[in-house]
N, C-alpha and C. Protein backbone atom coordinates (compact mmCIF):
# COMPACT_ATOMS: atom_id res chain seq x y z
N MET A 1 -38.07 -1.04 -13.93
CA MET A 1 -36.64 -0.82 -13.98
C MET A 1 -36.05 -1.80 -14.96
N GLY A 2 -35.43 -1.31 -15.97
CA GLY A 2 -34.89 -2.18 -16.99
C GLY A 2 -33.40 -2.31 -16.90
N THR A 3 -32.91 -3.12 -17.81
CA THR A 3 -31.48 -3.32 -17.88
C THR A 3 -30.89 -2.31 -18.84
N HIS A 4 -29.77 -1.73 -18.49
CA HIS A 4 -29.11 -0.74 -19.33
C HIS A 4 -27.78 -1.30 -19.78
N SER A 5 -27.58 -1.39 -21.07
CA SER A 5 -26.27 -1.82 -21.54
C SER A 5 -25.39 -0.59 -21.69
N PRO A 6 -24.06 -0.76 -21.68
CA PRO A 6 -23.17 0.39 -21.80
C PRO A 6 -23.42 1.20 -23.06
N SER A 7 -23.81 0.53 -24.15
CA SER A 7 -24.03 1.28 -25.38
C SER A 7 -25.31 2.09 -25.33
N GLN A 8 -26.32 1.64 -24.58
CA GLN A 8 -27.58 2.37 -24.49
C GLN A 8 -27.46 3.62 -23.63
N SER A 9 -26.79 3.51 -22.50
CA SER A 9 -26.80 4.62 -21.56
C SER A 9 -25.50 5.40 -21.51
N GLY A 10 -24.41 4.85 -22.06
CA GLY A 10 -23.13 5.52 -21.99
C GLY A 10 -22.47 5.37 -20.64
N ILE A 11 -23.08 4.62 -19.75
CA ILE A 11 -22.53 4.40 -18.42
C ILE A 11 -21.96 2.99 -18.39
N SER A 12 -20.76 2.87 -17.83
CA SER A 12 -20.06 1.60 -17.87
C SER A 12 -20.59 0.59 -16.85
N CYS A 13 -21.52 0.97 -16.03
CA CYS A 13 -22.09 0.03 -15.07
C CYS A 13 -23.54 0.41 -14.86
N CYS A 14 -24.22 -0.41 -14.11
CA CYS A 14 -25.64 -0.16 -13.93
C CYS A 14 -25.87 0.93 -12.89
N CYS A 15 -26.82 1.78 -13.16
CA CYS A 15 -27.26 2.77 -12.18
C CYS A 15 -28.57 2.31 -11.57
N LEU A 16 -29.29 1.52 -12.34
CA LEU A 16 -30.53 0.97 -11.85
C LEU A 16 -30.33 -0.53 -11.68
N ALA A 17 -31.35 -1.19 -11.23
CA ALA A 17 -31.23 -2.62 -10.98
C ALA A 17 -30.96 -3.38 -12.27
N GLU A 18 -29.95 -4.19 -12.27
CA GLU A 18 -29.65 -5.05 -13.40
C GLU A 18 -29.91 -6.50 -13.06
N THR A 19 -29.98 -6.82 -11.81
CA THR A 19 -30.13 -8.20 -11.41
C THR A 19 -31.52 -8.38 -10.82
N LYS A 20 -32.28 -9.29 -11.41
CA LYS A 20 -33.62 -9.57 -10.90
C LYS A 20 -33.76 -11.08 -10.77
N THR A 21 -34.49 -11.49 -9.78
CA THR A 21 -34.80 -12.89 -9.61
C THR A 21 -36.12 -13.01 -8.89
N THR A 22 -36.82 -14.07 -9.13
CA THR A 22 -38.07 -14.31 -8.45
C THR A 22 -37.86 -15.50 -7.55
N ARG A 23 -38.18 -15.35 -6.28
CA ARG A 23 -38.04 -16.43 -5.31
C ARG A 23 -39.38 -16.63 -4.62
N LYS A 24 -39.70 -17.88 -4.35
CA LYS A 24 -40.93 -18.18 -3.62
C LYS A 24 -40.59 -18.46 -2.17
N ILE A 25 -41.17 -17.69 -1.30
CA ILE A 25 -41.00 -17.88 0.13
C ILE A 25 -42.40 -17.97 0.73
N ASN A 26 -42.77 -19.17 1.18
CA ASN A 26 -44.11 -19.41 1.72
C ASN A 26 -45.19 -18.98 0.74
N ASN A 27 -45.00 -19.29 -0.53
CA ASN A 27 -45.92 -19.04 -1.64
C ASN A 27 -45.97 -17.62 -2.18
N PRO A 28 -45.79 -16.55 -1.40
CA PRO A 28 -45.80 -15.25 -2.08
C PRO A 28 -44.54 -15.09 -2.93
N THR A 29 -44.69 -14.42 -4.04
CA THR A 29 -43.57 -14.18 -4.93
C THR A 29 -42.97 -12.83 -4.61
N ILE A 30 -41.63 -12.81 -4.42
CA ILE A 30 -40.92 -11.58 -4.09
C ILE A 30 -39.90 -11.31 -5.19
N MET A 31 -39.90 -10.10 -5.70
CA MET A 31 -38.94 -9.71 -6.73
C MET A 31 -37.77 -9.02 -6.02
N THR A 32 -36.57 -9.53 -6.23
CA THR A 32 -35.39 -8.97 -5.61
C THR A 32 -34.58 -8.22 -6.65
N GLU A 33 -34.26 -6.99 -6.37
CA GLU A 33 -33.47 -6.18 -7.28
C GLU A 33 -32.33 -5.55 -6.49
N LEU A 34 -31.16 -5.54 -7.09
CA LEU A 34 -30.01 -4.92 -6.44
C LEU A 34 -29.56 -3.73 -7.27
N LEU A 35 -29.23 -2.67 -6.58
CA LEU A 35 -28.71 -1.48 -7.24
C LEU A 35 -27.19 -1.50 -7.17
N CYS A 36 -26.56 -1.01 -8.21
CA CYS A 36 -25.11 -0.85 -8.14
C CYS A 36 -24.77 0.59 -8.53
N ILE A 37 -23.74 1.10 -7.94
CA ILE A 37 -23.34 2.49 -8.08
C ILE A 37 -22.16 2.57 -9.05
N PRO A 38 -22.17 3.52 -9.97
CA PRO A 38 -21.03 3.67 -10.88
C PRO A 38 -19.78 4.14 -10.14
N LEU A 39 -18.64 3.76 -10.65
CA LEU A 39 -17.37 4.13 -10.02
C LEU A 39 -16.89 5.48 -10.51
N LYS A 40 -16.12 6.15 -9.67
CA LYS A 40 -15.41 7.36 -10.07
C LYS A 40 -14.24 6.93 -10.94
N GLN A 41 -13.92 7.70 -11.96
CA GLN A 41 -12.79 7.42 -12.83
C GLN A 41 -11.62 8.31 -12.45
N THR A 42 -10.42 7.80 -12.64
CA THR A 42 -9.22 8.57 -12.36
C THR A 42 -8.14 8.17 -13.35
N GLY A 43 -7.07 8.90 -13.34
CA GLY A 43 -5.94 8.60 -14.22
C GLY A 43 -4.70 8.32 -13.40
N GLU A 44 -3.62 8.05 -14.11
CA GLU A 44 -2.36 7.75 -13.45
C GLU A 44 -1.81 9.00 -12.75
N VAL A 45 -1.18 8.77 -11.62
CA VAL A 45 -0.55 9.83 -10.83
C VAL A 45 0.80 9.30 -10.39
N ASP A 46 1.82 10.14 -10.48
CA ASP A 46 3.14 9.75 -10.00
C ASP A 46 3.20 10.02 -8.50
N LEU A 47 3.24 8.95 -7.71
CA LEU A 47 3.34 9.09 -6.26
C LEU A 47 4.79 9.07 -5.79
N VAL A 48 5.64 8.38 -6.52
CA VAL A 48 7.00 8.11 -6.06
C VAL A 48 7.85 9.38 -5.97
N LYS A 49 7.93 10.14 -7.03
CA LYS A 49 8.81 11.31 -7.06
C LYS A 49 8.47 12.36 -5.99
N PRO A 50 7.20 12.77 -5.86
CA PRO A 50 6.88 13.78 -4.84
C PRO A 50 7.11 13.29 -3.40
N ILE A 51 6.80 12.02 -3.15
CA ILE A 51 6.98 11.51 -1.78
C ILE A 51 8.47 11.34 -1.48
N LYS A 52 9.24 10.91 -2.48
CA LYS A 52 10.70 10.82 -2.29
C LYS A 52 11.28 12.20 -1.99
N SER A 53 10.76 13.20 -2.62
CA SER A 53 11.22 14.57 -2.41
C SER A 53 10.99 15.00 -0.96
N VAL A 54 9.84 14.67 -0.41
CA VAL A 54 9.53 15.02 0.98
C VAL A 54 10.43 14.23 1.93
N ILE A 55 10.63 12.96 1.64
CA ILE A 55 11.50 12.14 2.49
C ILE A 55 12.93 12.67 2.46
N SER A 56 13.41 13.00 1.26
CA SER A 56 14.80 13.46 1.12
C SER A 56 15.04 14.81 1.80
N SER A 57 14.00 15.58 2.02
CA SER A 57 14.18 16.85 2.73
C SER A 57 14.43 16.63 4.23
N ALA A 58 14.07 15.44 4.74
CA ALA A 58 14.25 15.14 6.15
C ALA A 58 15.41 14.18 6.41
N ARG A 59 15.64 13.25 5.47
CA ARG A 59 16.70 12.25 5.62
C ARG A 59 17.00 11.65 4.25
N SER A 60 17.97 10.78 4.20
CA SER A 60 18.29 10.15 2.91
C SER A 60 17.27 9.05 2.62
N VAL A 61 16.97 8.90 1.35
CA VAL A 61 16.00 7.89 0.90
C VAL A 61 16.71 6.55 0.79
N THR A 62 16.16 5.54 1.44
CA THR A 62 16.77 4.21 1.43
C THR A 62 16.17 3.36 0.31
N THR A 63 16.80 2.24 0.07
CA THR A 63 16.28 1.28 -0.92
C THR A 63 14.92 0.76 -0.48
N ALA A 64 14.75 0.55 0.81
CA ALA A 64 13.46 0.09 1.33
C ALA A 64 12.36 1.13 1.06
N ASP A 65 12.71 2.41 1.21
CA ASP A 65 11.75 3.49 0.90
C ASP A 65 11.34 3.43 -0.56
N THR A 66 12.34 3.30 -1.44
CA THR A 66 12.08 3.25 -2.88
C THR A 66 11.22 2.04 -3.24
N ASN A 67 11.52 0.89 -2.66
CA ASN A 67 10.73 -0.32 -2.92
C ASN A 67 9.30 -0.17 -2.43
N SER A 68 9.13 0.40 -1.25
CA SER A 68 7.79 0.61 -0.70
C SER A 68 6.97 1.58 -1.54
N LEU A 69 7.62 2.65 -1.99
CA LEU A 69 6.91 3.63 -2.83
C LEU A 69 6.56 3.05 -4.19
N THR A 70 7.44 2.22 -4.73
CA THR A 70 7.15 1.56 -6.01
C THR A 70 5.96 0.62 -5.85
N GLU A 71 5.90 -0.10 -4.74
CA GLU A 71 4.76 -0.99 -4.49
C GLU A 71 3.47 -0.18 -4.32
N LEU A 72 3.55 0.95 -3.64
CA LEU A 72 2.38 1.82 -3.51
C LEU A 72 1.90 2.30 -4.88
N GLN A 73 2.85 2.70 -5.72
CA GLN A 73 2.52 3.13 -7.08
C GLN A 73 1.87 1.99 -7.86
N ASN A 74 2.39 0.78 -7.70
CA ASN A 74 1.82 -0.38 -8.39
C ASN A 74 0.40 -0.67 -7.92
N LEU A 75 0.14 -0.53 -6.62
CA LEU A 75 -1.21 -0.74 -6.10
C LEU A 75 -2.20 0.25 -6.74
N ARG A 76 -1.80 1.52 -6.81
CA ARG A 76 -2.68 2.52 -7.42
C ARG A 76 -2.87 2.26 -8.90
N SER A 77 -1.78 1.91 -9.59
CA SER A 77 -1.86 1.64 -11.03
C SER A 77 -2.78 0.45 -11.33
N LYS A 78 -2.71 -0.59 -10.50
CA LYS A 78 -3.61 -1.74 -10.67
C LYS A 78 -5.06 -1.33 -10.49
N MET A 79 -5.31 -0.50 -9.47
CA MET A 79 -6.66 -0.03 -9.20
C MET A 79 -7.18 0.79 -10.39
N VAL A 80 -6.36 1.70 -10.90
CA VAL A 80 -6.76 2.55 -12.02
C VAL A 80 -7.04 1.70 -13.25
N ALA A 81 -6.17 0.73 -13.54
CA ALA A 81 -6.36 -0.14 -14.71
C ALA A 81 -7.63 -0.98 -14.58
N ALA A 82 -7.89 -1.49 -13.41
CA ALA A 82 -9.09 -2.30 -13.20
C ALA A 82 -10.35 -1.47 -13.40
N ILE A 83 -10.33 -0.23 -12.95
CA ILE A 83 -11.50 0.65 -13.14
C ILE A 83 -11.69 0.95 -14.62
N LYS A 84 -10.61 1.28 -15.31
CA LYS A 84 -10.71 1.60 -16.75
C LYS A 84 -11.17 0.40 -17.55
N ASN A 85 -10.71 -0.81 -17.16
CA ASN A 85 -11.08 -2.03 -17.89
C ASN A 85 -12.36 -2.66 -17.37
N GLN A 86 -13.02 -1.99 -16.47
CA GLN A 86 -14.30 -2.42 -15.90
C GLN A 86 -14.21 -3.83 -15.32
N GLN A 87 -13.16 -4.08 -14.58
CA GLN A 87 -12.99 -5.37 -13.90
C GLN A 87 -13.61 -5.25 -12.51
N PHE A 88 -14.90 -5.45 -12.45
CA PHE A 88 -15.62 -5.31 -11.20
C PHE A 88 -15.74 -6.68 -10.53
N ASN A 89 -14.71 -7.05 -9.78
CA ASN A 89 -14.69 -8.35 -9.13
C ASN A 89 -14.06 -8.23 -7.74
N GLU A 90 -14.02 -9.33 -7.05
CA GLU A 90 -13.50 -9.31 -5.68
C GLU A 90 -12.01 -9.00 -5.62
N ALA A 91 -11.25 -9.42 -6.64
CA ALA A 91 -9.81 -9.12 -6.66
C ALA A 91 -9.58 -7.62 -6.77
N THR A 92 -10.34 -6.94 -7.62
CA THR A 92 -10.24 -5.49 -7.76
C THR A 92 -10.64 -4.80 -6.46
N LEU A 93 -11.67 -5.31 -5.83
CA LEU A 93 -12.11 -4.76 -4.55
C LEU A 93 -11.01 -4.89 -3.50
N GLU A 94 -10.36 -6.03 -3.45
CA GLU A 94 -9.28 -6.24 -2.49
C GLU A 94 -8.09 -5.32 -2.77
N GLU A 95 -7.75 -5.13 -4.05
CA GLU A 95 -6.64 -4.23 -4.40
C GLU A 95 -6.96 -2.79 -4.00
N ALA A 96 -8.19 -2.36 -4.21
CA ALA A 96 -8.58 -1.00 -3.81
C ALA A 96 -8.51 -0.85 -2.29
N GLN A 97 -8.93 -1.88 -1.57
CA GLN A 97 -8.85 -1.83 -0.12
C GLN A 97 -7.39 -1.80 0.35
N ASN A 98 -6.52 -2.57 -0.30
CA ASN A 98 -5.10 -2.55 0.04
C ASN A 98 -4.48 -1.18 -0.20
N TYR A 99 -4.82 -0.56 -1.33
CA TYR A 99 -4.31 0.78 -1.63
C TYR A 99 -4.78 1.78 -0.57
N PHE A 100 -6.05 1.70 -0.22
CA PHE A 100 -6.60 2.59 0.81
C PHE A 100 -5.86 2.41 2.13
N ASP A 101 -5.65 1.16 2.52
CA ASP A 101 -4.91 0.89 3.77
C ASP A 101 -3.51 1.47 3.73
N GLN A 102 -2.82 1.30 2.61
CA GLN A 102 -1.44 1.78 2.50
C GLN A 102 -1.35 3.30 2.56
N ILE A 103 -2.25 4.00 1.86
CA ILE A 103 -2.18 5.47 1.92
C ILE A 103 -2.60 5.98 3.30
N SER A 104 -3.47 5.23 3.97
CA SER A 104 -3.86 5.61 5.34
C SER A 104 -2.67 5.48 6.28
N HIS A 105 -1.90 4.42 6.14
CA HIS A 105 -0.71 4.25 6.99
C HIS A 105 0.37 5.27 6.63
N LEU A 106 0.54 5.54 5.35
CA LEU A 106 1.55 6.49 4.90
C LEU A 106 1.22 7.91 5.36
N GLU A 107 -0.05 8.20 5.44
CA GLU A 107 -0.51 9.52 5.87
C GLU A 107 0.03 9.87 7.26
N LEU A 108 0.19 8.85 8.10
CA LEU A 108 0.69 9.06 9.46
C LEU A 108 2.19 9.34 9.49
N LYS A 109 2.90 8.98 8.41
CA LYS A 109 4.35 9.09 8.39
C LYS A 109 4.89 10.23 7.53
N ILE A 110 4.12 10.66 6.55
CA ILE A 110 4.56 11.68 5.59
C ILE A 110 3.65 12.91 5.70
N PRO A 111 4.21 14.09 5.77
CA PRO A 111 3.36 15.30 5.75
C PRO A 111 2.88 15.59 4.32
N PHE A 112 1.71 15.07 3.99
CA PHE A 112 1.21 15.20 2.62
C PHE A 112 0.90 16.64 2.22
N ASN A 113 0.77 17.52 3.18
CA ASN A 113 0.55 18.93 2.83
C ASN A 113 1.78 19.54 2.17
N LYS A 114 2.94 18.86 2.28
CA LYS A 114 4.16 19.34 1.63
C LYS A 114 4.39 18.72 0.26
N THR A 115 3.60 17.72 -0.09
CA THR A 115 3.74 17.10 -1.42
C THR A 115 2.85 17.82 -2.41
N LYS A 116 3.22 17.75 -3.64
CA LYS A 116 2.40 18.34 -4.71
C LYS A 116 1.95 17.22 -5.65
N ILE A 117 1.12 16.35 -5.10
CA ILE A 117 0.52 15.28 -5.88
C ILE A 117 -0.88 15.73 -6.24
N TYR A 118 -1.17 15.81 -7.53
CA TYR A 118 -2.48 16.27 -7.98
C TYR A 118 -3.36 15.05 -8.26
N PHE A 119 -4.31 14.81 -7.38
CA PHE A 119 -5.26 13.72 -7.53
C PHE A 119 -6.46 14.24 -8.32
N LYS A 120 -6.71 13.64 -9.47
CA LYS A 120 -7.78 14.08 -10.36
C LYS A 120 -8.79 12.94 -10.48
N TRP A 121 -10.03 13.23 -10.12
CA TRP A 121 -11.10 12.23 -10.18
C TRP A 121 -12.31 12.80 -10.91
N LEU A 122 -12.93 11.97 -11.74
CA LEU A 122 -14.16 12.33 -12.41
C LEU A 122 -15.34 11.96 -11.53
N ASP A 123 -16.38 12.76 -11.58
CA ASP A 123 -17.58 12.50 -10.80
C ASP A 123 -18.27 11.24 -11.31
N ALA A 124 -18.68 10.38 -10.43
CA ALA A 124 -19.33 9.12 -10.81
C ALA A 124 -20.69 9.34 -11.47
N PHE A 125 -21.36 10.42 -11.14
CA PHE A 125 -22.71 10.63 -11.64
C PHE A 125 -22.79 11.70 -12.73
N ASP A 126 -21.71 12.30 -13.10
CA ASP A 126 -21.74 13.35 -14.12
C ASP A 126 -21.62 12.73 -15.50
N ARG A 127 -22.72 12.27 -16.01
CA ARG A 127 -22.76 11.65 -17.32
C ARG A 127 -23.83 12.33 -18.20
N GLY A 128 -24.08 13.59 -17.91
CA GLY A 128 -25.11 14.29 -18.66
C GLY A 128 -26.50 13.96 -18.15
N SER A 129 -26.59 13.33 -17.00
CA SER A 129 -27.88 12.97 -16.46
C SER A 129 -28.34 14.05 -15.48
N TRP A 130 -29.49 13.86 -14.90
CA TRP A 130 -30.00 14.84 -13.95
C TRP A 130 -29.22 14.82 -12.66
N PHE A 131 -28.40 13.78 -12.41
CA PHE A 131 -27.52 13.76 -11.25
C PHE A 131 -26.33 14.69 -11.43
N GLY A 132 -25.91 14.84 -12.67
CA GLY A 132 -24.63 15.46 -12.98
C GLY A 132 -24.56 16.95 -12.73
N GLY A 133 -23.35 17.40 -12.59
CA GLY A 133 -23.08 18.82 -12.45
C GLY A 133 -22.41 19.34 -13.70
N SER A 134 -21.78 20.49 -13.58
CA SER A 134 -21.16 21.08 -14.76
C SER A 134 -19.65 20.94 -14.75
N ILE A 135 -19.07 20.44 -13.66
CA ILE A 135 -17.62 20.29 -13.57
C ILE A 135 -17.27 18.85 -13.92
N PRO A 136 -16.47 18.62 -14.98
CA PRO A 136 -16.19 17.25 -15.39
C PRO A 136 -15.28 16.48 -14.44
N TYR A 137 -14.42 17.16 -13.72
CA TYR A 137 -13.54 16.48 -12.79
C TYR A 137 -13.16 17.43 -11.66
N THR A 138 -12.65 16.84 -10.61
CA THR A 138 -12.15 17.62 -9.48
C THR A 138 -10.70 17.22 -9.25
N MET A 139 -9.86 18.19 -9.04
CA MET A 139 -8.45 17.93 -8.79
C MET A 139 -8.07 18.57 -7.46
N SER A 140 -7.30 17.81 -6.67
CA SER A 140 -6.90 18.29 -5.36
C SER A 140 -5.54 17.72 -5.00
N THR A 141 -4.80 18.45 -4.19
CA THR A 141 -3.54 17.94 -3.67
C THR A 141 -3.72 17.39 -2.26
N ASN A 142 -4.93 17.35 -1.78
CA ASN A 142 -5.24 16.88 -0.44
C ASN A 142 -5.40 15.36 -0.45
N LEU A 143 -4.63 14.67 0.38
CA LEU A 143 -4.71 13.22 0.45
C LEU A 143 -6.08 12.76 0.95
N LEU A 144 -6.75 13.55 1.75
CA LEU A 144 -8.08 13.18 2.22
C LEU A 144 -9.05 13.05 1.06
N TYR A 145 -8.88 13.88 0.03
CA TYR A 145 -9.72 13.77 -1.16
C TYR A 145 -9.46 12.44 -1.88
N GLU A 146 -8.20 12.08 -2.02
CA GLU A 146 -7.84 10.80 -2.64
C GLU A 146 -8.45 9.65 -1.84
N LYS A 147 -8.33 9.70 -0.54
CA LYS A 147 -8.88 8.64 0.30
C LYS A 147 -10.40 8.58 0.18
N ALA A 148 -11.07 9.71 0.14
CA ALA A 148 -12.53 9.73 0.01
C ALA A 148 -12.97 9.12 -1.31
N CYS A 149 -12.26 9.44 -2.39
CA CYS A 149 -12.60 8.89 -3.71
C CYS A 149 -12.35 7.39 -3.76
N VAL A 150 -11.26 6.94 -3.19
CA VAL A 150 -10.96 5.50 -3.15
C VAL A 150 -12.01 4.78 -2.31
N LEU A 151 -12.37 5.35 -1.18
CA LEU A 151 -13.39 4.74 -0.32
C LEU A 151 -14.74 4.68 -1.03
N PHE A 152 -15.08 5.73 -1.78
CA PHE A 152 -16.31 5.72 -2.59
C PHE A 152 -16.26 4.56 -3.57
N ASN A 153 -15.11 4.38 -4.23
CA ASN A 153 -14.99 3.30 -5.21
C ASN A 153 -15.03 1.92 -4.56
N ILE A 154 -14.52 1.81 -3.35
CA ILE A 154 -14.62 0.53 -2.63
C ILE A 154 -16.09 0.19 -2.40
N ALA A 155 -16.86 1.17 -1.97
CA ALA A 155 -18.30 0.95 -1.77
C ALA A 155 -18.99 0.64 -3.10
N SER A 156 -18.61 1.36 -4.16
CA SER A 156 -19.20 1.12 -5.48
C SER A 156 -18.87 -0.27 -5.99
N LEU A 157 -17.61 -0.68 -5.83
CA LEU A 157 -17.20 -2.02 -6.25
C LEU A 157 -17.98 -3.09 -5.48
N SER A 158 -18.23 -2.84 -4.21
CA SER A 158 -19.02 -3.79 -3.42
C SER A 158 -20.42 -3.96 -4.00
N THR A 159 -21.03 -2.85 -4.44
CA THR A 159 -22.36 -2.96 -5.05
C THR A 159 -22.29 -3.67 -6.39
N GLN A 160 -21.21 -3.45 -7.15
CA GLN A 160 -21.03 -4.12 -8.43
C GLN A 160 -20.90 -5.64 -8.24
N VAL A 161 -20.06 -6.03 -7.29
CA VAL A 161 -19.85 -7.46 -7.03
C VAL A 161 -21.14 -8.09 -6.50
N GLY A 162 -21.83 -7.40 -5.62
CA GLY A 162 -23.09 -7.91 -5.09
C GLY A 162 -24.14 -8.08 -6.17
N ALA A 163 -24.25 -7.12 -7.07
CA ALA A 163 -25.25 -7.19 -8.14
C ALA A 163 -24.94 -8.27 -9.16
N ALA A 164 -23.70 -8.69 -9.25
CA ALA A 164 -23.30 -9.72 -10.22
C ALA A 164 -23.57 -11.14 -9.72
N GLN A 165 -24.00 -11.29 -8.48
CA GLN A 165 -24.21 -12.62 -7.92
C GLN A 165 -25.50 -13.23 -8.45
N ASP A 166 -25.52 -14.54 -8.48
CA ASP A 166 -26.70 -15.30 -8.90
C ASP A 166 -27.68 -15.34 -7.74
N LEU A 167 -28.71 -14.54 -7.82
CA LEU A 167 -29.67 -14.43 -6.73
C LEU A 167 -30.68 -15.57 -6.72
N ALA A 168 -30.58 -16.47 -7.69
CA ALA A 168 -31.47 -17.62 -7.72
C ALA A 168 -31.00 -18.70 -6.76
N THR A 169 -29.77 -18.60 -6.31
CA THR A 169 -29.24 -19.59 -5.37
C THR A 169 -29.09 -18.96 -3.99
N GLU A 170 -29.13 -19.80 -2.99
CA GLU A 170 -28.98 -19.30 -1.62
C GLU A 170 -27.58 -18.75 -1.38
N ASP A 171 -26.56 -19.43 -1.91
CA ASP A 171 -25.18 -18.96 -1.76
C ASP A 171 -24.99 -17.61 -2.45
N GLY A 172 -25.56 -17.45 -3.63
CA GLY A 172 -25.47 -16.19 -4.35
C GLY A 172 -26.13 -15.06 -3.59
N MET A 173 -27.29 -15.37 -2.99
CA MET A 173 -27.99 -14.36 -2.19
C MET A 173 -27.17 -13.96 -0.98
N LYS A 174 -26.58 -14.95 -0.29
CA LYS A 174 -25.76 -14.64 0.90
C LYS A 174 -24.55 -13.79 0.52
N LYS A 175 -23.91 -14.13 -0.60
CA LYS A 175 -22.74 -13.39 -1.03
C LYS A 175 -23.11 -11.97 -1.43
N ALA A 176 -24.23 -11.82 -2.11
CA ALA A 176 -24.68 -10.48 -2.54
C ALA A 176 -25.00 -9.60 -1.34
N VAL A 177 -25.63 -10.16 -0.34
CA VAL A 177 -25.98 -9.41 0.85
C VAL A 177 -24.72 -9.07 1.65
N LYS A 178 -23.76 -9.95 1.65
CA LYS A 178 -22.49 -9.71 2.35
C LYS A 178 -21.74 -8.54 1.75
N MET A 179 -21.82 -8.38 0.46
CA MET A 179 -21.08 -7.31 -0.22
C MET A 179 -21.69 -5.99 0.15
């Protein structure tokens, strides 16, 4: 299993093991390799206008509603920018988790089946490889699809952060296993 650079494979992250280390434990040599999963790609989506529309059909939209929706939009925008800029770190992981938590809480308060938010995500494995399919992206207005894609990326980011750890040190090994 070799190392793949983005220019060699066209994939922005490793699909195979990129991190290798040799550790001696009671004299036998063990090779440790970590796999990381590529992230799904997405683009910007306007969350504020459609959700405000649903709220306004039931009651008047308050300043607090507008501020909360703007913050939700900012959380998603940060997540999208971090994915596009390949910022695979713990801060990006935390932002993705925060966005997931917020849409999960909002799901209980807003009937998302009445919103027309088109969530468009690219398949993480469709890069012309044997994993890939023929559909370049999937688009859905279902919030469960958005949540599933975000959750997939949270898991993928965890593998990215884990694979980036220094496995030659005990602390690096503990952190990688924790991820």
